[in-house]
Amino acid sequence: MMMVYNIHTEPSAIGVKYSDSKGKSHKAFLRRKGEIILSAGAIGSPQLLLLSGIGPQSQHPNVGKFMADNPMNIINILLPNSSMEPSITKVVGINDNYFIEPVIFQPQLNMTSGSLAEKIPGPLSIGSLWLANSTDVKVTPNVRFNYFDNPIDLSRCVMGMRKIGEMLETKAMNQFKHNGELLFSGPSLPNNNSNNWEWESFCRTTVGTFYHYHGGCVVGKVVDGDFNVMGIKSVRVVDGSTFNISPGTNPQATLMMLGR
């Protein structure tokens, strides 16, 4: 965690405390005009700020707030052709409301599993992160993303999963059927296409993640436009925790450019 003290009445980071692989504690101090660059990700960065006393108790109420994640819903289909080679995730459908991505997994027991996933870019639902332990960095913090808390996100999921249902009815899917039927590993789509409640329930009960968490140290809330922690000298946060929105795709390239 960081060591923060008031220097000439202005809070400033002066160094960090850390433990090595043997559990021995150390301190490292900043040189003149040095600074700490925090890049522990959307979970780790707000956690470290809170452990360092930078949070609601120090006039920083937004640390750990505005957490978000792109919700993903998926169906898994058992494919009869075990000779199909595994493939990485590829985007095959994009519109303003959802992305659709397929992937083929390694064959198991002479069966290959294929998946169709739907995810929402830029979710409107937000959550928060808070400490499970106020002193131990090894204790994972509590995080709640509040998937589908905003009804617009839920509506977009229903639209995306219904589109996947339409795709399953196309002639192109006939080659993957067993005796005229698709076999699913895990939940299948609702049978009643007109029952909106069933589709909403499917989205809520099957939601997962692509692990593109963001928020917690959002620009304009916790850090300024140069990623300096507002009100604390010599500390920047440069990672996905500063995002106030995610496009829904892998943010790796954006994060690399932030680092440069």
C-alpha atoms as a PDB file:
ATOM      1  CA  MET A   1       0.000   0.000   0.000  1.00  0.00           C
ATOM      2  CA  MET A   2       1.022   3.636  -0.368  1.00  0.00           C
ATOM      3  CA  MET A   3       2.247   5.962   2.340  1.00  0.00           C
ATOM      4  CA  VAL A   4       0.458   9.308   2.144  1.00  0.00           C
ATOM      5  CA  TYR A   5       1.262  12.274   4.385  1.00  0.00           C
ATOM      6  CA  ASN A   6       0.406  15.940   4.484  1.00  0.00           C
ATOM      7  CA  ILE A   7       3.335  17.956   3.173  1.00  0.00           C
ATOM      8  CA  HIS A   8       2.844  21.703   3.553  1.00  0.00           C
ATOM      9  CA  THR A   9      -0.870  20.989   4.205  1.00  0.00           C
ATOM     10  CA  GLU A  10      -1.215  19.168   0.858  1.00  0.00           C
ATOM     11  CA  PRO A  11      -1.569  15.356   0.879  1.00  0.00           C
ATOM     12  CA  SER A  12       1.241  13.692  -1.028  1.00  0.00           C
ATOM     13  CA  ALA A  13       2.414  10.111  -1.550  1.00  0.00           C
ATOM     14  CA  ILE A  14       5.978   9.579  -0.388  1.00  0.00           C
ATOM     15  CA  GLY A  15       6.449   5.872  -1.053  1.00  0.00           C
ATOM     16  CA  VAL A  16       5.032   2.375  -0.793  1.00  0.00           C
ATOM     17  CA  LYS A  17       4.995  -0.475   1.679  1.00  0.00           C
ATOM     18  CA  TYR A  18       5.228  -3.967   0.221  1.00  0.00           C
ATOM     19  CA  SER A  19       6.046  -7.561   1.120  1.00  0.00           C
ATOM     20  CA  ASP A  20       8.432  -9.822  -0.764  1.00  0.00           C
ATOM     21  CA  SER A  21       7.855 -13.474  -1.665  1.00  0.00           C
ATOM     22  CA  LYS A  22       8.966 -14.538   1.808  1.00  0.00           C
ATOM     23  CA  GLY A  23       6.505 -12.232   3.519  1.00  0.00           C
ATOM     24  CA  LYS A  24       9.116  -9.743   4.688  1.00  0.00           C
ATOM     25  CA  SER A  25       7.929  -6.115   4.745  1.00  0.00           C
ATOM     26  CA  HIS A  26       9.796  -3.318   2.975  1.00  0.00           C
ATOM     27  CA  LYS A  27       9.434   0.380   2.315  1.00  0.00           C
ATOM     28  CA  ALA A  28      10.429   2.198  -0.867  1.00  0.00           C
ATOM     29  CA  PHE A  29      10.496   6.009  -0.925  1.00  0.00           C
ATOM     30  CA  LEU A  30      10.078   8.366  -3.846  1.00  0.00           C
ATOM     31  CA  ARG A  31      12.957  10.459  -5.041  1.00  0.00           C
ATOM     32  CA  ARG A  32      12.511  14.163  -5.631  1.00  0.00           C
ATOM     33  CA  LYS A  33       9.815  14.789  -8.279  1.00  0.00           C
ATOM     34  CA  GLY A  34       9.108  11.060  -8.380  1.00  0.00           C
ATOM     35  CA  GLU A  35       5.626   9.606  -8.453  1.00  0.00           C
ATOM     36  CA  ILE A  36       3.755   6.374  -7.950  1.00  0.00           C
ATOM     37  CA  ILE A  37       1.999   4.875 -10.967  1.00  0.00           C
ATOM     38  CA  LEU A  38      -0.705   2.484  -9.890  1.00  0.00           C
ATOM     39  CA  SER A  39      -1.641  -0.161 -12.486  1.00  0.00           C
ATOM     40  CA  ALA A  40      -3.304  -2.954 -10.571  1.00  0.00           C
ATOM     41  CA  GLY A  41      -6.431  -3.166 -12.695  1.00  0.00           C
ATOM     42  CA  ALA A  42     -10.074  -2.394 -12.088  1.00  0.00           C
ATOM     43  CA  ILE A  43     -10.140  -4.561  -8.959  1.00  0.00           C
ATOM     44  CA  GLY A  44      -6.660  -3.983  -7.548  1.00  0.00           C
ATOM     45  CA  SER A  45      -6.255  -0.230  -8.038  1.00  0.00           C
ATOM     46  CA  PRO A  46      -9.319   0.915  -6.089  1.00  0.00           C
ATOM     47  CA  GLN A  47      -8.516  -1.707  -3.456  1.00  0.00           C
ATOM     48  CA  LEU A  48      -4.985  -0.322  -2.997  1.00  0.00           C
ATOM     49  CA  LEU A  49      -6.245   3.262  -2.813  1.00  0.00           C
ATOM     50  CA  LEU A  50      -8.762   2.299  -0.138  1.00  0.00           C
ATOM     51  CA  LEU A  51      -6.133   0.351   1.825  1.00  0.00           C
ATOM     52  CA  SER A  52      -3.902   3.445   1.645  1.00  0.00           C
ATOM     53  CA  GLY A  53      -6.590   5.618   3.207  1.00  0.00           C
ATOM     54  CA  ILE A  54      -7.642   7.245  -0.067  1.00  0.00           C
ATOM     55  CA  GLY A  55     -11.386   6.861  -0.021  1.00  0.00           C
ATOM     56  CA  PRO A  56     -14.521   8.249   1.631  1.00  0.00           C
ATOM     57  CA  GLN A  57     -12.607   8.959   4.845  1.00  0.00           C
ATOM     58  CA  SER A  58     -10.258  11.303   2.927  1.00  0.00           C
ATOM     59  CA  GLN A  59     -12.737  13.239   0.791  1.00  0.00           C
ATOM     60  CA  HIS A  60     -12.585  10.675  -2.039  1.00  0.00           C
ATOM     61  CA  PRO A  61     -16.103   9.176  -1.997  1.00  0.00           C
ATOM     62  CA  ASN A  62     -15.900   7.838  -5.552  1.00  0.00           C
ATOM     63  CA  VAL A  63     -13.033   5.379  -5.063  1.00  0.00           C
ATOM     64  CA  GLY A  64     -14.517   1.969  -5.755  1.00  0.00           C
ATOM     65  CA  LYS A  65     -17.659   3.453  -7.280  1.00  0.00           C
ATOM     66  CA  PHE A  66     -18.927   3.257 -10.876  1.00  0.00           C
ATOM     67  CA  MET A  67     -17.716  -0.329 -11.275  1.00  0.00           C
ATOM     68  CA  ALA A  68     -19.017  -1.984 -14.430  1.00  0.00           C
ATOM     69  CA  ASP A  69     -18.580  -5.090 -16.533  1.00  0.00           C
ATOM     70  CA  ASN A  70     -19.858  -6.172 -19.933  1.00  0.00           C
ATOM     71  CA  PRO A  71     -22.418  -8.908 -19.181  1.00  0.00           C
ATOM     72  CA  MET A  72     -22.117 -12.013 -21.331  1.00  0.00           C
ATOM     73  CA  ASN A  73     -24.731 -14.687 -21.975  1.00  0.00           C
ATOM     74  CA  ILE A  74     -23.873 -17.878 -23.775  1.00  0.00           C
ATOM     75  CA  ILE A  75     -25.312 -21.129 -25.090  1.00  0.00           C
ATOM     76  CA  ASN A  76     -23.188 -24.233 -25.626  1.00  0.00           C
ATOM     77  CA  ILE A  77     -23.981 -26.645 -28.463  1.00  0.00           C
ATOM     78  CA  LEU A  78     -22.615 -30.171 -28.812  1.00  0.00           C
ATOM     79  CA  LEU A  79     -21.370 -30.563 -32.364  1.00  0.00           C
ATOM     80  CA  PRO A  80     -21.380 -33.974 -34.090  1.00  0.00           C
ATOM     81  CA  ASN A  81     -18.263 -33.291 -36.168  1.00  0.00           C
ATOM     82  CA  SER A  82     -15.354 -33.867 -33.783  1.00  0.00           C
ATOM     83  CA  SER A  83     -12.868 -33.111 -36.566  1.00  0.00           C
ATOM     84  CA  MET A  84     -13.595 -29.388 -36.373  1.00  0.00           C
ATOM     85  CA  GLU A  85     -10.567 -27.500 -35.172  1.00  0.00           C
ATOM     86  CA  PRO A  86     -10.770 -25.269 -32.103  1.00  0.00           C
ATOM     87  CA  SER A  87     -11.049 -21.558 -32.837  1.00  0.00           C
ATOM     88  CA  ILE A  88     -10.587 -18.380 -30.866  1.00  0.00           C
ATOM     89  CA  THR A  89     -13.473 -16.028 -30.243  1.00  0.00           C
ATOM     90  CA  LYS A  90     -14.517 -14.096 -33.344  1.00  0.00           C
ATOM     91  CA  VAL A  91     -17.051 -11.319 -33.621  1.00  0.00           C
ATOM     92  CA  VAL A  92     -19.696 -12.156 -36.215  1.00  0.00           C
ATOM     93  CA  GLY A  93     -22.420  -9.655 -35.406  1.00  0.00           C
ATOM     94  CA  ILE A  94     -22.309  -6.087 -34.148  1.00  0.00           C
ATOM     95  CA  ASN A  95     -25.030  -3.508 -33.773  1.00  0.00           C
ATOM     96  CA  ASP A  96     -25.754  -0.691 -31.333  1.00  0.00           C
ATOM     97  CA  ASN A  97     -27.232  -3.039 -28.729  1.00  0.00           C
ATOM     98  CA  TYR A  98     -25.129  -6.211 -28.651  1.00  0.00           C
ATOM     99  CA  PHE A  99     -22.227  -8.230 -30.033  1.00  0.00           C
ATOM    100  CA  ILE A 100     -22.488 -11.907 -31.023  1.00  0.00           C
ATOM    101  CA  GLU A 101     -19.369 -14.085 -30.927  1.00  0.00           C
ATOM    102  CA  PRO A 102     -18.792 -17.799 -31.673  1.00  0.00           C
ATOM    103  CA  VAL A 103     -16.027 -20.090 -30.440  1.00  0.00           C
ATOM    104  CA  ILE A 104     -15.274 -23.811 -30.907  1.00  0.00           C
ATOM    105  CA  PHE A 105     -13.669 -25.755 -28.065  1.00  0.00           C
ATOM    106  CA  GLN A 106     -11.497 -28.864 -27.952  1.00  0.00           C
ATOM    107  CA  PRO A 107     -13.345 -32.150 -28.530  1.00  0.00           C
ATOM    108  CA  GLN A 108     -14.175 -34.181 -25.425  1.00  0.00           C
ATOM    109  CA  LEU A 109     -15.532 -37.737 -25.488  1.00  0.00           C
ATOM    110  CA  ASN A 110     -15.708 -37.578 -29.291  1.00  0.00           C
ATOM    111  CA  MET A 111     -17.863 -34.460 -29.105  1.00  0.00           C
ATOM    112  CA  THR A 112     -16.900 -30.890 -29.918  1.00  0.00           C
ATOM    113  CA  SER A 113     -18.518 -28.020 -28.072  1.00  0.00           C
ATOM    114  CA  GLY A 114     -19.419 -24.821 -29.886  1.00  0.00           C
ATOM    115  CA  SER A 115     -20.650 -21.679 -28.199  1.00  0.00           C
ATOM    116  CA  LEU A 116     -22.551 -18.606 -29.253  1.00  0.00           C
ATOM    117  CA  ALA A 117     -22.115 -15.670 -26.909  1.00  0.00           C
ATOM    118  CA  GLU A 118     -23.936 -12.360 -26.706  1.00  0.00           C
ATOM    119  CA  LYS A 119     -22.527  -9.410 -24.821  1.00  0.00           C
ATOM    120  CA  ILE A 120     -23.496  -5.813 -24.247  1.00  0.00           C
ATOM    121  CA  PRO A 121     -21.090  -2.965 -25.033  1.00  0.00           C
ATOM    122  CA  GLY A 122     -21.046  -0.001 -22.671  1.00  0.00           C
ATOM    123  CA  PRO A 123     -23.438  -1.331 -20.011  1.00  0.00           C
ATOM    124  CA  LEU A 124     -25.491   1.263 -18.159  1.00  0.00           C
ATOM    125  CA  SER A 125     -25.691  -0.762 -14.943  1.00  0.00           C
ATOM    126  CA  ILE A 126     -23.040   0.167 -12.393  1.00  0.00           C
ATOM    127  CA  GLY A 127     -21.889  -1.298  -9.108  1.00  0.00           C
ATOM    128  CA  SER A 128     -19.230  -0.789  -6.479  1.00  0.00           C
ATOM    129  CA  LEU A 129     -16.181  -2.247  -4.760  1.00  0.00           C
ATOM    130  CA  TRP A 130     -15.496  -2.196  -1.032  1.00  0.00           C
ATOM    131  CA  LEU A 131     -12.896  -3.732   1.247  1.00  0.00           C
ATOM    132  CA  ALA A 132     -13.455  -7.112   2.853  1.00  0.00           C
ATOM    133  CA  ASN A 133     -10.461  -6.425   5.102  1.00  0.00           C
ATOM    134  CA  SER A 134      -9.180  -2.939   5.898  1.00  0.00           C
ATOM    135  CA  THR A 135      -5.543  -3.946   6.395  1.00  0.00           C
ATOM    136  CA  ASP A 136      -4.714  -7.087   4.401  1.00  0.00           C
ATOM    137  CA  VAL A 137      -4.103  -6.650   0.667  1.00  0.00           C
ATOM    138  CA  LYS A 138      -4.267 -10.414   0.154  1.00  0.00           C
ATOM    139  CA  VAL A 139      -7.945 -10.492   1.039  1.00  0.00           C
ATOM    140  CA  THR A 140     -10.002 -10.090  -2.135  1.00  0.00           C
ATOM    141  CA  PRO A 141     -12.320  -7.071  -1.957  1.00  0.00           C
ATOM    142  CA  ASN A 142     -16.071  -7.296  -2.336  1.00  0.00           C
ATOM    143  CA  VAL A 143     -17.349  -6.353  -5.789  1.00  0.00           C
ATOM    144  CA  ARG A 144     -20.893  -6.074  -7.059  1.00  0.00           C
ATOM    145  CA  PHE A 145     -21.423  -5.193 -10.723  1.00  0.00           C
ATOM    146  CA  ASN A 146     -25.237  -5.155 -10.543  1.00  0.00           C
ATOM    147  CA  TYR A 147     -25.681  -6.836 -13.918  1.00  0.00           C
ATOM    148  CA  PHE A 148     -28.966  -5.808 -15.597  1.00  0.00           C
ATOM    149  CA  ASP A 149     -29.811  -3.398 -12.806  1.00  0.00           C
ATOM    150  CA  ASN A 150     -30.613  -0.942 -15.579  1.00  0.00           C
ATOM    151  CA  PRO A 151     -33.612  -2.275 -17.561  1.00  0.00           C
ATOM    152  CA  ILE A 152     -32.070  -1.078 -20.835  1.00  0.00           C
ATOM    153  CA  ASP A 153     -29.209  -3.553 -20.377  1.00  0.00           C
ATOM    154  CA  LEU A 154     -31.693  -6.354 -19.770  1.00  0.00           C
ATOM    155  CA  SER A 155     -33.679  -5.397 -22.871  1.00  0.00           C
ATOM    156  CA  ARG A 156     -30.509  -5.446 -24.980  1.00  0.00           C
ATOM    157  CA  CYS A 157     -29.644  -8.911 -23.691  1.00  0.00           C
ATOM    158  CA  VAL A 158     -33.086 -10.195 -24.645  1.00  0.00           C
ATOM    159  CA  MET A 159     -32.695  -8.752 -28.145  1.00  0.00           C
ATOM    160  CA  GLY A 160     -29.272 -10.373 -28.549  1.00  0.00           C
ATOM    161  CA  MET A 161     -30.347 -13.801 -27.300  1.00  0.00           C
ATOM    162  CA  ARG A 162     -33.434 -13.749 -29.500  1.00  0.00           C
ATOM    163  CA  LYS A 163     -31.153 -13.032 -32.448  1.00  0.00           C
ATOM    164  CA  ILE A 164     -29.093 -16.086 -31.502  1.00  0.00           C
ATOM    165  CA  GLY A 165     -32.348 -18.050 -31.438  1.00  0.00           C
ATOM    166  CA  GLU A 166     -33.051 -16.896 -34.984  1.00  0.00           C
ATOM    167  CA  MET A 167     -29.544 -17.952 -36.028  1.00  0.00           C
ATOM    168  CA  LEU A 168     -30.144 -21.453 -34.655  1.00  0.00           C
ATOM    169  CA  GLU A 169     -33.159 -21.800 -36.954  1.00  0.00           C
ATOM    170  CA  THR A 170     -31.191 -21.127 -40.147  1.00  0.00           C
ATOM    171  CA  LYS A 171     -30.211 -23.821 -42.651  1.00  0.00           C
ATOM    172  CA  ALA A 172     -26.536 -23.218 -41.869  1.00  0.00           C
ATOM    173  CA  MET A 173     -27.073 -24.858 -38.453  1.00  0.00           C
ATOM    174  CA  ASN A 174     -28.481 -28.109 -39.887  1.00  0.00           C
ATOM    175  CA  GLN A 175     -24.998 -29.615 -40.153  1.00  0.00           C
ATOM    176  CA  PHE A 176     -24.645 -29.388 -36.368  1.00  0.00           C
ATOM    177  CA  LYS A 177     -27.850 -31.242 -35.522  1.00  0.00           C
ATOM    178  CA  HIS A 178     -28.180 -34.754 -34.109  1.00  0.00           C
ATOM    179  CA  ASN A 179     -31.141 -36.559 -35.677  1.00  0.00           C
ATOM    180  CA  GLY A 180     -32.647 -33.229 -36.598  1.00  0.00           C
ATOM    181  CA  GLU A 181     -32.157 -31.581 -33.208  1.00  0.00           C
ATOM    182  CA  LEU A 182     -29.497 -29.362 -31.661  1.00  0.00           C
ATOM    183  CA  LEU A 183     -28.053 -30.741 -28.440  1.00  0.00           C
ATOM    184  CA  PHE A 184     -27.144 -28.245 -25.736  1.00  0.00           C
ATOM    185  CA  SER A 185     -24.610 -28.497 -22.958  1.00  0.00           C
ATOM    186  CA  GLY A 186     -26.175 -26.421 -20.229  1.00  0.00           C
ATOM    187  CA  PRO A 187     -29.265 -24.201 -20.507  1.00  0.00           C
ATOM    188  CA  SER A 188     -31.034 -23.890 -23.848  1.00  0.00           C
ATOM    189  CA  LEU A 189     -32.966 -20.856 -25.002  1.00  0.00           C
ATOM    190  CA  PRO A 190     -36.584 -20.354 -23.875  1.00  0.00           C
ATOM    191  CA  ASN A 191     -39.158 -22.162 -25.984  1.00  0.00           C
ATOM    192  CA  ASN A 192     -41.772 -19.410 -25.856  1.00  0.00           C
ATOM    193  CA  ASN A 193     -40.446 -16.594 -28.005  1.00  0.00           C
ATOM    194  CA  SER A 194     -43.329 -14.297 -27.093  1.00  0.00           C
ATOM    195  CA  ASN A 195     -42.874 -14.568 -23.317  1.00  0.00           C
ATOM    196  CA  ASN A 196     -40.581 -11.661 -22.496  1.00  0.00           C
ATOM    197  CA  TRP A 197     -40.368 -12.654 -18.825  1.00  0.00           C
ATOM    198  CA  GLU A 198     -38.822 -16.030 -19.740  1.00  0.00           C
ATOM    199  CA  TRP A 199     -36.143 -14.347 -21.850  1.00  0.00           C
ATOM    200  CA  GLU A 200     -35.368 -11.829 -19.109  1.00  0.00           C
ATOM    201  CA  SER A 201     -35.108 -14.683 -16.598  1.00  0.00           C
ATOM    202  CA  PHE A 202     -32.745 -16.539 -18.952  1.00  0.00           C
ATOM    203  CA  CYS A 203     -30.494 -13.478 -19.186  1.00  0.00           C
ATOM    204  CA  ARG A 204     -30.396 -13.025 -15.408  1.00  0.00           C
ATOM    205  CA  THR A 205     -29.724 -16.683 -14.565  1.00  0.00           C
ATOM    206  CA  THR A 206     -27.062 -17.341 -17.227  1.00  0.00           C
ATOM    207  CA  VAL A 207     -25.098 -14.090 -17.077  1.00  0.00           C
ATOM    208  CA  GLY A 208     -21.311 -14.389 -17.083  1.00  0.00           C
ATOM    209  CA  THR A 209     -18.301 -12.225 -17.825  1.00  0.00           C
ATOM    210  CA  PHE A 210     -15.609 -11.691 -20.448  1.00  0.00           C
ATOM    211  CA  TYR A 211     -13.421 -10.274 -17.635  1.00  0.00           C
ATOM    212  CA  HIS A 212     -13.334  -6.743 -19.048  1.00  0.00           C
ATOM    213  CA  TYR A 213     -13.984  -5.048 -15.713  1.00  0.00           C
ATOM    214  CA  HIS A 214     -13.691  -1.283 -15.574  1.00  0.00           C
ATOM    215  CA  GLY A 215     -14.347   1.615 -13.208  1.00  0.00           C
ATOM    216  CA  GLY A 216     -13.469   2.203  -9.584  1.00  0.00           C
ATOM    217  CA  CYS A 217     -11.029   5.081 -10.235  1.00  0.00           C
ATOM    218  CA  VAL A 218     -12.976   6.842 -12.959  1.00  0.00           C
ATOM    219  CA  VAL A 219     -11.628   9.881 -14.824  1.00  0.00           C
ATOM    220  CA  GLY A 220     -13.347  13.006 -13.548  1.00  0.00           C
ATOM    221  CA  LYS A 221     -14.392  11.235 -10.347  1.00  0.00           C
ATOM    222  CA  VAL A 222     -11.142   9.941  -8.835  1.00  0.00           C
ATOM    223  CA  VAL A 223      -8.410  10.935 -11.308  1.00  0.00           C
ATOM    224  CA  ASP A 224      -8.086  13.975 -13.551  1.00  0.00           C
ATOM    225  CA  GLY A 225      -7.470  14.048 -17.304  1.00  0.00           C
ATOM    226  CA  ASP A 226      -3.789  13.263 -16.755  1.00  0.00           C
ATOM    227  CA  PHE A 227      -4.684  10.319 -14.494  1.00  0.00           C
ATOM    228  CA  ASN A 228      -3.453  12.068 -11.342  1.00  0.00           C
ATOM    229  CA  VAL A 229      -5.425  11.147  -8.242  1.00  0.00           C
ATOM    230  CA  MET A 230      -7.274  14.356  -7.500  1.00  0.00           C
ATOM    231  CA  GLY A 231      -6.181  16.025  -4.292  1.00  0.00           C
ATOM    232  CA  ILE A 232      -3.172  13.711  -3.769  1.00  0.00           C
ATOM    233  CA  LYS A 233       0.211  14.653  -5.184  1.00  0.00           C
ATOM    234  CA  SER A 234       2.573  12.158  -6.822  1.00  0.00           C
ATOM    235  CA  VAL A 235       0.039   9.398  -7.552  1.00  0.00           C
ATOM    236  CA  ARG A 236      -1.394   8.389 -10.919  1.00  0.00           C
ATOM    237  CA  VAL A 237      -3.700   5.515 -11.835  1.00  0.00           C
ATOM    238  CA  VAL A 238      -3.219   4.140 -15.342  1.00  0.00           C
ATOM    239  CA  ASP A 239      -5.389   1.102 -16.088  1.00  0.00           C
ATOM    240  CA  GLY A 240      -8.959   0.002 -16.793  1.00  0.00           C
ATOM    241  CA  SER A 241     -10.203   1.328 -13.460  1.00  0.00           C
ATOM    242  CA  THR A 242     -10.141   4.822 -14.974  1.00  0.00           C
ATOM    243  CA  PHE A 243     -12.600   3.963 -17.779  1.00  0.00           C
ATOM    244  CA  ASN A 244     -16.061   5.460 -17.500  1.00  0.00           C
ATOM    245  CA  ILE A 245     -17.322   3.224 -20.318  1.00  0.00           C
ATOM    246  CA  SER A 246     -16.184   0.116 -22.184  1.00  0.00           C
ATOM    247  CA  PRO A 247     -16.931  -0.580 -25.860  1.00  0.00           C
ATOM    248  CA  GLY A 248     -17.465  -4.254 -25.106  1.00  0.00           C
ATOM    249  CA  THR A 249     -14.332  -5.541 -26.791  1.00  0.00           C
ATOM    250  CA  ASN A 250     -10.956  -6.427 -25.315  1.00  0.00           C
ATOM    251  CA  PRO A 251      -9.484  -3.160 -23.905  1.00  0.00           C
ATOM    252  CA  GLN A 252      -5.861  -4.340 -24.190  1.00  0.00           C
ATOM    253  CA  ALA A 253      -4.872  -1.973 -27.006  1.00  0.00           C
ATOM    254  CA  THR A 254      -6.434   1.024 -25.248  1.00  0.00           C
ATOM    255  CA  LEU A 255      -4.629   0.188 -22.024  1.00  0.00           C
ATOM    256  CA  MET A 256      -1.298  -0.182 -23.818  1.00  0.00           C
ATOM    257  CA  MET A 257      -1.708   3.270 -25.348  1.00  0.00           C
ATOM    258  CA  LEU A 258      -2.562   4.733 -21.938  1.00  0.00           C
ATOM    259  CA  GLY A 259       0.678   3.278 -20.636  1.00  0.00           C
ATOM    260  CA  ARG A 260       2.685   4.875 -23.430  1.00  0.00           C
END
